Amino acid sequence: MLSLLWVVYMPLLVLCGFFGGIFLIVTSMKHRKLFVGLMGLLSFSFVTLPFVFWGMGVDSNTILPISTTLYWILFSLTGLLAGLSGLQAKIKSIRNMGFIIFIAGILGVIFWVLMNENDEFFVSSFVQGNQANLANDGLQASLARINVITGATKKKTNTSATTTTHITSSLKPILKSNIQITPNGAKKVAYSVTPNKKRVSTSKTWHYTGKKKYIAVRTAVQVTTSMGVSPNGSSAGGVTLGE
């Protein structure tokens, strides 16, 4: 769940770099501090250029092939250097804004690193099965055949993760489950289990060998019971993998 820290903090980090960079640029012009203006421009660029590249359909990694951790460390350094310059020149506004950007950047690095540490995320999806097979039985037709699918993905190494799928059938034992794990950007993994019981938990390890990035995972499940076949699905969280 540590990924939520990054998701919540990211907009604040962008706003800090955006308005903080503009403030440093304007203040540097007022006090004729070219170096501070340059740091402000860099701070502004660090938070705006990724969105520009995305809008153009360009992968920012091809233009600046560095890790996300190093990216935000460089961002925080622009604030630190601006803050030290303001401290030396005894200009409180520059000093304070520079150190605010520096602290915001360091917190961004910390939250990003925490998100990458064995991130685990659970999502439950409740899907009501097709009642067509129950039409001939008035008693059974009045019952809702509901399967509960819970997906979880946990980082194993820098290039592999394990996705666990929990399946619960509320009415009949599960005769067979066909499971397909789909990590975004990695090879799909498909397999089957025949538990013959109402609850089953199954895990599968998959691999990713590309550049480091966050990979969202989905699980598709086809559950077979004596009442019929029901296709279900669930988000299975995500992890950051890659070298």
C-alpha atoms as a PDB file:
ATOM      1  CA  MET A   1       0.000   0.000   0.000  1.00  0.00           C
ATOM      2  CA  LEU A   2       3.048   2.260   0.097  1.00  0.00           C
ATOM      3  CA  SER A   3       2.379   3.222  -3.519  1.00  0.00           C
ATOM      4  CA  LEU A   4      -0.499   5.378  -2.241  1.00  0.00           C
ATOM      5  CA  LEU A   5       2.043   7.685  -0.595  1.00  0.00           C
ATOM      6  CA  TRP A   6       3.561   8.451  -3.981  1.00  0.00           C
ATOM      7  CA  VAL A   7       0.181   8.796  -5.690  1.00  0.00           C
ATOM      8  CA  VAL A   8      -1.017  11.331  -3.096  1.00  0.00           C
ATOM      9  CA  TYR A   9       2.271  13.234  -2.859  1.00  0.00           C
ATOM     10  CA  MET A  10       3.078  13.471  -6.577  1.00  0.00           C
ATOM     11  CA  PRO A  11       0.622  16.341  -7.357  1.00  0.00           C
ATOM     12  CA  LEU A  12       1.997  18.329  -4.402  1.00  0.00           C
ATOM     13  CA  LEU A  13       5.546  17.801  -5.651  1.00  0.00           C
ATOM     14  CA  VAL A  14       4.615  18.990  -9.142  1.00  0.00           C
ATOM     15  CA  LEU A  15       2.866  22.092  -7.794  1.00  0.00           C
ATOM     16  CA  CYS A  16       5.850  22.888  -5.588  1.00  0.00           C
ATOM     17  CA  GLY A  17       8.255  22.668  -8.518  1.00  0.00           C
ATOM     18  CA  PHE A  18       5.920  24.609 -10.815  1.00  0.00           C
ATOM     19  CA  PHE A  19       5.100  27.599  -8.605  1.00  0.00           C
ATOM     20  CA  GLY A  20       8.407  27.469  -6.724  1.00  0.00           C
ATOM     21  CA  GLY A  21      10.340  27.590  -9.989  1.00  0.00           C
ATOM     22  CA  ILE A  22       8.312  30.557 -11.234  1.00  0.00           C
ATOM     23  CA  PHE A  23       8.831  32.335  -7.900  1.00  0.00           C
ATOM     24  CA  LEU A  24      12.608  31.854  -8.088  1.00  0.00           C
ATOM     25  CA  ILE A  25      12.716  33.119 -11.678  1.00  0.00           C
ATOM     26  CA  VAL A  26      10.722  36.278 -10.863  1.00  0.00           C
ATOM     27  CA  THR A  27      12.602  36.935  -7.611  1.00  0.00           C
ATOM     28  CA  SER A  28      15.984  36.422  -9.287  1.00  0.00           C
ATOM     29  CA  MET A  29      15.101  39.099 -11.846  1.00  0.00           C
ATOM     30  CA  LYS A  30      14.148  41.476  -9.031  1.00  0.00           C
ATOM     31  CA  HIS A  31      17.425  40.899  -7.160  1.00  0.00           C
ATOM     32  CA  ARG A  32      19.545  40.310 -10.270  1.00  0.00           C
ATOM     33  CA  LYS A  33      20.573  36.811  -9.275  1.00  0.00           C
ATOM     34  CA  LEU A  34      21.188  34.943 -12.525  1.00  0.00           C
ATOM     35  CA  PHE A  35      22.171  31.678 -10.797  1.00  0.00           C
ATOM     36  CA  VAL A  36      18.948  31.611  -8.771  1.00  0.00           C
ATOM     37  CA  GLY A  37      16.958  32.235 -11.935  1.00  0.00           C
ATOM     38  CA  LEU A  38      18.701  29.304 -13.606  1.00  0.00           C
ATOM     39  CA  MET A  39      17.882  27.029 -10.646  1.00  0.00           C
ATOM     40  CA  GLY A  40      14.272  28.193 -10.790  1.00  0.00           C
ATOM     41  CA  LEU A  41      14.117  27.439 -14.504  1.00  0.00           C
ATOM     42  CA  LEU A  42      15.528  23.950 -13.911  1.00  0.00           C
ATOM     43  CA  SER A  43      13.072  23.315 -11.078  1.00  0.00           C
ATOM     44  CA  PHE A  44      10.197  24.420 -13.298  1.00  0.00           C
ATOM     45  CA  SER A  45      11.471  22.262 -16.167  1.00  0.00           C
ATOM     46  CA  PHE A  46      11.834  19.125 -14.026  1.00  0.00           C
ATOM     47  CA  VAL A  47       8.100  19.065 -13.247  1.00  0.00           C
ATOM     48  CA  THR A  48       6.731  20.298 -16.590  1.00  0.00           C
ATOM     49  CA  LEU A  49       8.833  18.557 -19.242  1.00  0.00           C
ATOM     50  CA  PRO A  50       7.527  15.025 -18.455  1.00  0.00           C
ATOM     51  CA  PHE A  51       3.990  16.226 -19.199  1.00  0.00           C
ATOM     52  CA  VAL A  52       5.172  17.914 -22.388  1.00  0.00           C
ATOM     53  CA  PHE A  53       6.834  14.682 -23.542  1.00  0.00           C
ATOM     54  CA  TRP A  54       3.729  12.636 -22.689  1.00  0.00           C
ATOM     55  CA  GLY A  55       1.584  15.061 -24.640  1.00  0.00           C
ATOM     56  CA  MET A  56       3.881  14.667 -27.647  1.00  0.00           C
ATOM     57  CA  GLY A  57       3.873  10.873 -27.302  1.00  0.00           C
ATOM     58  CA  VAL A  58       7.619  10.808 -26.560  1.00  0.00           C
ATOM     59  CA  ASP A  59       9.115   8.508 -23.924  1.00  0.00           C
ATOM     60  CA  SER A  60      11.072  10.745 -21.546  1.00  0.00           C
ATOM     61  CA  ASN A  61      13.480   7.868 -20.806  1.00  0.00           C
ATOM     62  CA  THR A  62      14.809   8.061 -24.359  1.00  0.00           C
ATOM     63  CA  ILE A  63      15.662  11.744 -23.895  1.00  0.00           C
ATOM     64  CA  LEU A  64      16.912  11.585 -20.308  1.00  0.00           C
ATOM     65  CA  PRO A  65      17.822   7.942 -19.547  1.00  0.00           C
ATOM     66  CA  ILE A  66      18.220   8.174 -15.773  1.00  0.00           C
ATOM     67  CA  SER A  67      16.383   6.524 -12.908  1.00  0.00           C
ATOM     68  CA  THR A  68      13.392   8.204 -11.296  1.00  0.00           C
ATOM     69  CA  THR A  69      15.265   8.372  -7.985  1.00  0.00           C
ATOM     70  CA  LEU A  70      18.161  10.283  -9.547  1.00  0.00           C
ATOM     71  CA  TYR A  71      15.695  12.520 -11.415  1.00  0.00           C
ATOM     72  CA  TRP A  72      14.105  13.776  -8.204  1.00  0.00           C
ATOM     73  CA  ILE A  73      17.470  14.044  -6.460  1.00  0.00           C
ATOM     74  CA  LEU A  74      18.581  16.436  -9.214  1.00  0.00           C
ATOM     75  CA  PHE A  75      15.306  18.328  -8.778  1.00  0.00           C
ATOM     76  CA  SER A  76      15.933  18.701  -5.048  1.00  0.00           C
ATOM     77  CA  LEU A  77      19.493  19.910  -5.715  1.00  0.00           C
ATOM     78  CA  THR A  78      18.143  22.862  -7.713  1.00  0.00           C
ATOM     79  CA  GLY A  79      16.242  23.925  -4.604  1.00  0.00           C
ATOM     80  CA  LEU A  80      19.240  23.353  -2.334  1.00  0.00           C
ATOM     81  CA  LEU A  81      21.570  25.423  -4.521  1.00  0.00           C
ATOM     82  CA  ALA A  82      18.997  28.219  -4.803  1.00  0.00           C
ATOM     83  CA  GLY A  83      18.464  28.151  -1.036  1.00  0.00           C
ATOM     84  CA  LEU A  84      22.208  28.316  -0.326  1.00  0.00           C
ATOM     85  CA  SER A  85      22.526  31.218  -2.771  1.00  0.00           C
ATOM     86  CA  GLY A  86      19.718  33.060  -0.996  1.00  0.00           C
ATOM     87  CA  LEU A  87      21.317  32.307   2.371  1.00  0.00           C
ATOM     88  CA  GLN A  88      24.651  33.687   1.204  1.00  0.00           C
ATOM     89  CA  ALA A  89      23.025  36.814  -0.238  1.00  0.00           C
ATOM     90  CA  LYS A  90      20.783  37.172   2.854  1.00  0.00           C
ATOM     91  CA  ILE A  91      17.605  37.161   0.762  1.00  0.00           C
ATOM     92  CA  LYS A  92      15.003  35.340   2.868  1.00  0.00           C
ATOM     93  CA  SER A  93      12.451  34.781   0.103  1.00  0.00           C
ATOM     94  CA  ILE A  94      14.956  32.987  -2.131  1.00  0.00           C
ATOM     95  CA  ARG A  95      16.419  31.070   0.800  1.00  0.00           C
ATOM     96  CA  ASN A  96      13.031  29.872   2.043  1.00  0.00           C
ATOM     97  CA  MET A  97      11.663  28.880  -1.363  1.00  0.00           C
ATOM     98  CA  GLY A  98      14.886  27.104  -2.294  1.00  0.00           C
ATOM     99  CA  PHE A  99      14.835  24.993   0.857  1.00  0.00           C
ATOM    100  CA  ILE A 100      11.105  24.270   0.409  1.00  0.00           C
ATOM    101  CA  ILE A 101      11.816  22.850  -3.066  1.00  0.00           C
ATOM    102  CA  PHE A 102      14.769  20.902  -1.649  1.00  0.00           C
ATOM    103  CA  ILE A 103      12.686  19.328   1.144  1.00  0.00           C
ATOM    104  CA  ALA A 104       9.826  18.564  -1.258  1.00  0.00           C
ATOM    105  CA  GLY A 105      12.249  16.830  -3.616  1.00  0.00           C
ATOM    106  CA  ILE A 106      13.839  14.755  -0.847  1.00  0.00           C
ATOM    107  CA  LEU A 107      10.405  13.651   0.378  1.00  0.00           C
ATOM    108  CA  GLY A 108       9.582  12.697  -3.211  1.00  0.00           C
ATOM    109  CA  VAL A 109      12.698  10.516  -3.359  1.00  0.00           C
ATOM    110  CA  ILE A 110      11.790   8.855  -0.048  1.00  0.00           C
ATOM    111  CA  PHE A 111       8.205   8.129  -1.105  1.00  0.00           C
ATOM    112  CA  TRP A 112       9.371   6.774  -4.484  1.00  0.00           C
ATOM    113  CA  VAL A 113      11.861   4.424  -2.808  1.00  0.00           C
ATOM    114  CA  LEU A 114       9.224   3.263  -0.313  1.00  0.00           C
ATOM    115  CA  MET A 115       6.826   2.531  -3.173  1.00  0.00           C
ATOM    116  CA  ASN A 116       9.431   0.254  -4.766  1.00  0.00           C
ATOM    117  CA  GLU A 117      10.060  -1.773  -1.628  1.00  0.00           C
ATOM    118  CA  ASN A 118       8.039  -4.972  -1.979  1.00  0.00           C
ATOM    119  CA  ASP A 119       4.895  -3.093  -2.830  1.00  0.00           C
ATOM    120  CA  GLU A 120       1.745  -5.105  -2.230  1.00  0.00           C
ATOM    121  CA  PHE A 121      -1.743  -4.037  -3.169  1.00  0.00           C
ATOM    122  CA  PHE A 122      -5.075  -5.785  -2.707  1.00  0.00           C
ATOM    123  CA  VAL A 123      -8.254  -5.113  -4.660  1.00  0.00           C
ATOM    124  CA  SER A 124     -11.455  -7.131  -4.431  1.00  0.00           C
ATOM    125  CA  SER A 125     -13.825  -7.431  -7.360  1.00  0.00           C
ATOM    126  CA  PHE A 126     -17.351  -8.774  -6.895  1.00  0.00           C
ATOM    127  CA  VAL A 127     -18.814 -10.099 -10.145  1.00  0.00           C
ATOM    128  CA  GLN A 128     -22.242 -11.653 -10.440  1.00  0.00           C
ATOM    129  CA  GLY A 129     -22.172 -14.634 -12.741  1.00  0.00           C
ATOM    130  CA  ASN A 130     -24.435 -15.284 -15.721  1.00  0.00           C
ATOM    131  CA  GLN A 131     -27.786 -16.726 -14.623  1.00  0.00           C
ATOM    132  CA  ALA A 132     -28.640 -18.275 -18.010  1.00  0.00           C
ATOM    133  CA  ASN A 133     -27.739 -21.778 -16.844  1.00  0.00           C
ATOM    134  CA  LEU A 134     -30.132 -21.438 -13.908  1.00  0.00           C
ATOM    135  CA  ALA A 135     -33.243 -20.538 -15.884  1.00  0.00           C
ATOM    136  CA  ASN A 136     -34.741 -24.052 -15.664  1.00  0.00           C
ATOM    137  CA  ASP A 137     -34.595 -24.185 -11.897  1.00  0.00           C
ATOM    138  CA  GLY A 138     -36.854 -21.642 -10.169  1.00  0.00           C
ATOM    139  CA  LEU A 139     -35.189 -22.058  -6.768  1.00  0.00           C
ATOM    140  CA  GLN A 140     -31.667 -21.741  -8.088  1.00  0.00           C
ATOM    141  CA  ALA A 141     -32.624 -18.916 -10.449  1.00  0.00           C
ATOM    142  CA  SER A 142     -33.545 -16.799  -7.448  1.00  0.00           C
ATOM    143  CA  LEU A 143     -30.039 -17.082  -6.051  1.00  0.00           C
ATOM    144  CA  ALA A 144     -27.187 -14.790  -7.088  1.00  0.00           C
ATOM    145  CA  ARG A 145     -24.143 -16.789  -8.075  1.00  0.00           C
ATOM    146  CA  ILE A 146     -21.317 -14.529  -6.895  1.00  0.00           C
ATOM    147  CA  ASN A 147     -17.607 -15.264  -7.135  1.00  0.00           C
ATOM    148  CA  VAL A 148     -15.154 -13.096  -5.205  1.00  0.00           C
ATOM    149  CA  ILE A 149     -11.752 -12.541  -6.804  1.00  0.00           C
ATOM    150  CA  THR A 150      -8.945 -10.923  -4.828  1.00  0.00           C
ATOM    151  CA  GLY A 151      -5.605 -10.156  -6.506  1.00  0.00           C
ATOM    152  CA  ALA A 152      -2.275  -9.357  -4.857  1.00  0.00           C
ATOM    153  CA  THR A 153       1.149  -8.773  -6.385  1.00  0.00           C
ATOM    154  CA  LYS A 154       4.396  -8.737  -4.429  1.00  0.00           C
ATOM    155  CA  LYS A 155       7.925  -7.952  -5.604  1.00  0.00           C
ATOM    156  CA  LYS A 156      10.286 -10.923  -5.400  1.00  0.00           C
ATOM    157  CA  THR A 157      13.479  -9.649  -7.064  1.00  0.00           C
ATOM    158  CA  ASN A 158      14.320  -6.664  -9.278  1.00  0.00           C
ATOM    159  CA  THR A 159      13.106  -8.642 -12.301  1.00  0.00           C
ATOM    160  CA  SER A 160      10.364 -10.874 -10.908  1.00  0.00           C
ATOM    161  CA  ALA A 161       7.153 -10.672  -8.901  1.00  0.00           C
ATOM    162  CA  THR A 162       4.571 -13.093  -7.553  1.00  0.00           C
ATOM    163  CA  THR A 163       0.857 -12.599  -8.142  1.00  0.00           C
ATOM    164  CA  THR A 164      -1.517 -14.382  -5.786  1.00  0.00           C
ATOM    165  CA  THR A 165      -5.143 -14.933  -6.715  1.00  0.00           C
ATOM    166  CA  HIS A 166      -7.775 -15.726  -4.079  1.00  0.00           C
ATOM    167  CA  ILE A 167     -11.055 -17.133  -5.429  1.00  0.00           C
ATOM    168  CA  THR A 168     -14.215 -17.713  -3.405  1.00  0.00           C
ATOM    169  CA  SER A 169     -17.399 -19.328  -4.727  1.00  0.00           C
ATOM    170  CA  SER A 170     -20.340 -18.548  -2.471  1.00  0.00           C
ATOM    171  CA  LEU A 171     -22.588 -21.421  -3.595  1.00  0.00           C
ATOM    172  CA  LYS A 172     -20.804 -24.409  -5.093  1.00  0.00           C
ATOM    173  CA  PRO A 173     -17.274 -25.860  -4.927  1.00  0.00           C
ATOM    174  CA  ILE A 174     -14.885 -24.704  -7.644  1.00  0.00           C
ATOM    175  CA  LEU A 175     -14.263 -27.581 -10.029  1.00  0.00           C
ATOM    176  CA  LYS A 176     -11.731 -25.735 -12.188  1.00  0.00           C
ATOM    177  CA  SER A 177     -10.282 -22.248 -12.509  1.00  0.00           C
ATOM    178  CA  ASN A 178      -8.447 -20.967 -15.577  1.00  0.00           C
ATOM    179  CA  ILE A 179      -6.275 -18.043 -14.504  1.00  0.00           C
ATOM    180  CA  GLN A 180      -4.458 -15.514 -16.667  1.00  0.00           C
ATOM    181  CA  ILE A 181      -2.119 -12.950 -15.132  1.00  0.00           C
ATOM    182  CA  THR A 182      -1.554  -9.885 -17.303  1.00  0.00           C
ATOM    183  CA  PRO A 183       1.262  -7.578 -16.172  1.00  0.00           C
ATOM    184  CA  ASN A 184       1.279  -4.373 -18.241  1.00  0.00           C
ATOM    185  CA  GLY A 185       4.374  -4.585 -20.442  1.00  0.00           C
ATOM    186  CA  ALA A 186       5.387  -8.100 -19.429  1.00  0.00           C
ATOM    187  CA  LYS A 187       4.550 -11.558 -20.758  1.00  0.00           C
ATOM    188  CA  LYS A 188       1.164 -12.993 -19.796  1.00  0.00           C
ATOM    189  CA  VAL A 189       1.034 -16.090 -17.592  1.00  0.00           C
ATOM    190  CA  ALA A 190      -1.830 -18.589 -17.956  1.00  0.00           C
ATOM    191  CA  TYR A 191      -2.475 -21.732 -15.882  1.00  0.00           C
ATOM    192  CA  SER A 192      -5.281 -23.809 -14.363  1.00  0.00           C
ATOM    193  CA  VAL A 193      -6.131 -25.238 -10.941  1.00  0.00           C
ATOM    194  CA  THR A 194      -8.718 -27.882  -9.937  1.00  0.00           C
ATOM    195  CA  PRO A 195      -9.330 -27.333  -6.202  1.00  0.00           C
ATOM    196  CA  ASN A 196     -12.824 -28.908  -5.856  1.00  0.00           C
ATOM    197  CA  LYS A 197     -13.620 -26.615  -2.924  1.00  0.00           C
ATOM    198  CA  LYS A 198     -15.252 -23.236  -2.411  1.00  0.00           C
ATOM    199  CA  ARG A 199     -12.063 -21.320  -1.683  1.00  0.00           C
ATOM    200  CA  VAL A 200      -8.682 -21.454  -3.343  1.00  0.00           C
ATOM    201  CA  SER A 201      -5.494 -19.380  -3.204  1.00  0.00           C
ATOM    202  CA  THR A 202      -2.914 -19.797  -5.935  1.00  0.00           C
ATOM    203  CA  SER A 203       0.320 -17.966  -6.741  1.00  0.00           C
ATOM    204  CA  LYS A 204       2.452 -17.632  -9.843  1.00  0.00           C
ATOM    205  CA  THR A 205       5.789 -15.892 -10.403  1.00  0.00           C
ATOM    206  CA  TRP A 206       6.358 -13.864 -13.566  1.00  0.00           C
ATOM    207  CA  HIS A 207       9.360 -11.991 -14.916  1.00  0.00           C
ATOM    208  CA  TYR A 208      10.171  -8.610 -16.469  1.00  0.00           C
ATOM    209  CA  THR A 209      13.582  -7.725 -17.933  1.00  0.00           C
ATOM    210  CA  GLY A 210      13.044  -4.237 -19.351  1.00  0.00           C
ATOM    211  CA  LYS A 211      13.786  -0.781 -17.991  1.00  0.00           C
ATOM    212  CA  LYS A 212      12.696   0.014 -14.459  1.00  0.00           C
ATOM    213  CA  LYS A 213       9.042   1.051 -14.297  1.00  0.00           C
ATOM    214  CA  TYR A 214       5.803   0.529 -12.413  1.00  0.00           C
ATOM    215  CA  ILE A 215       3.818  -2.428 -13.756  1.00  0.00           C
ATOM    216  CA  ALA A 216       0.087  -2.685 -13.121  1.00  0.00           C
ATOM    217  CA  VAL A 217      -1.274  -6.231 -12.981  1.00  0.00           C
ATOM    218  CA  ARG A 218      -4.692  -7.692 -13.764  1.00  0.00           C
ATOM    219  CA  THR A 219      -5.990 -11.192 -13.192  1.00  0.00           C
ATOM    220  CA  ALA A 220      -8.657 -12.807 -15.392  1.00  0.00           C
ATOM    221  CA  VAL A 221     -10.334 -15.914 -13.997  1.00  0.00           C
ATOM    222  CA  GLN A 222     -12.767 -18.372 -15.535  1.00  0.00           C
ATOM    223  CA  VAL A 223     -14.468 -20.226 -12.695  1.00  0.00           C
ATOM    224  CA  THR A 224     -16.250 -23.535 -13.336  1.00  0.00           C
ATOM    225  CA  THR A 225     -18.688 -24.991 -10.811  1.00  0.00           C
ATOM    226  CA  SER A 226     -21.530 -27.488 -11.122  1.00  0.00           C
ATOM    227  CA  MET A 227     -23.772 -24.495 -11.846  1.00  0.00           C
ATOM    228  CA  GLY A 228     -21.834 -23.388 -14.914  1.00  0.00           C
ATOM    229  CA  VAL A 229     -18.933 -21.247 -16.036  1.00  0.00           C
ATOM    230  CA  SER A 230     -18.421 -17.661 -14.883  1.00  0.00           C
ATOM    231  CA  PRO A 231     -15.712 -15.335 -16.247  1.00  0.00           C
ATOM    232  CA  ASN A 232     -14.456 -12.867 -13.650  1.00  0.00           C
ATOM    233  CA  GLY A 233     -11.581 -10.458 -13.249  1.00  0.00           C
ATOM    234  CA  SER A 234      -9.793  -8.274 -10.765  1.00  0.00           C
ATOM    235  CA  SER A 235      -6.995  -5.783 -10.460  1.00  0.00           C
ATOM    236  CA  ALA A 236      -3.998  -7.401  -8.778  1.00  0.00           C
ATOM    237  CA  GLY A 237      -2.159  -4.239  -7.790  1.00  0.00           C
ATOM    238  CA  GLY A 238       1.294  -3.616  -9.185  1.00  0.00           C
ATOM    239  CA  VAL A 239       5.027  -3.429  -8.514  1.00  0.00           C
ATOM    240  CA  THR A 240       8.076  -1.585  -9.809  1.00  0.00           C
ATOM    241  CA  LEU A 241      10.492  -3.895 -11.635  1.00  0.00           C
ATOM    242  CA  GLY A 242      13.439  -3.542 -13.989  1.00  0.00           C
ATOM    243  CA  GLU A 243      17.123  -2.793 -13.936  1.00  0.00           C
END
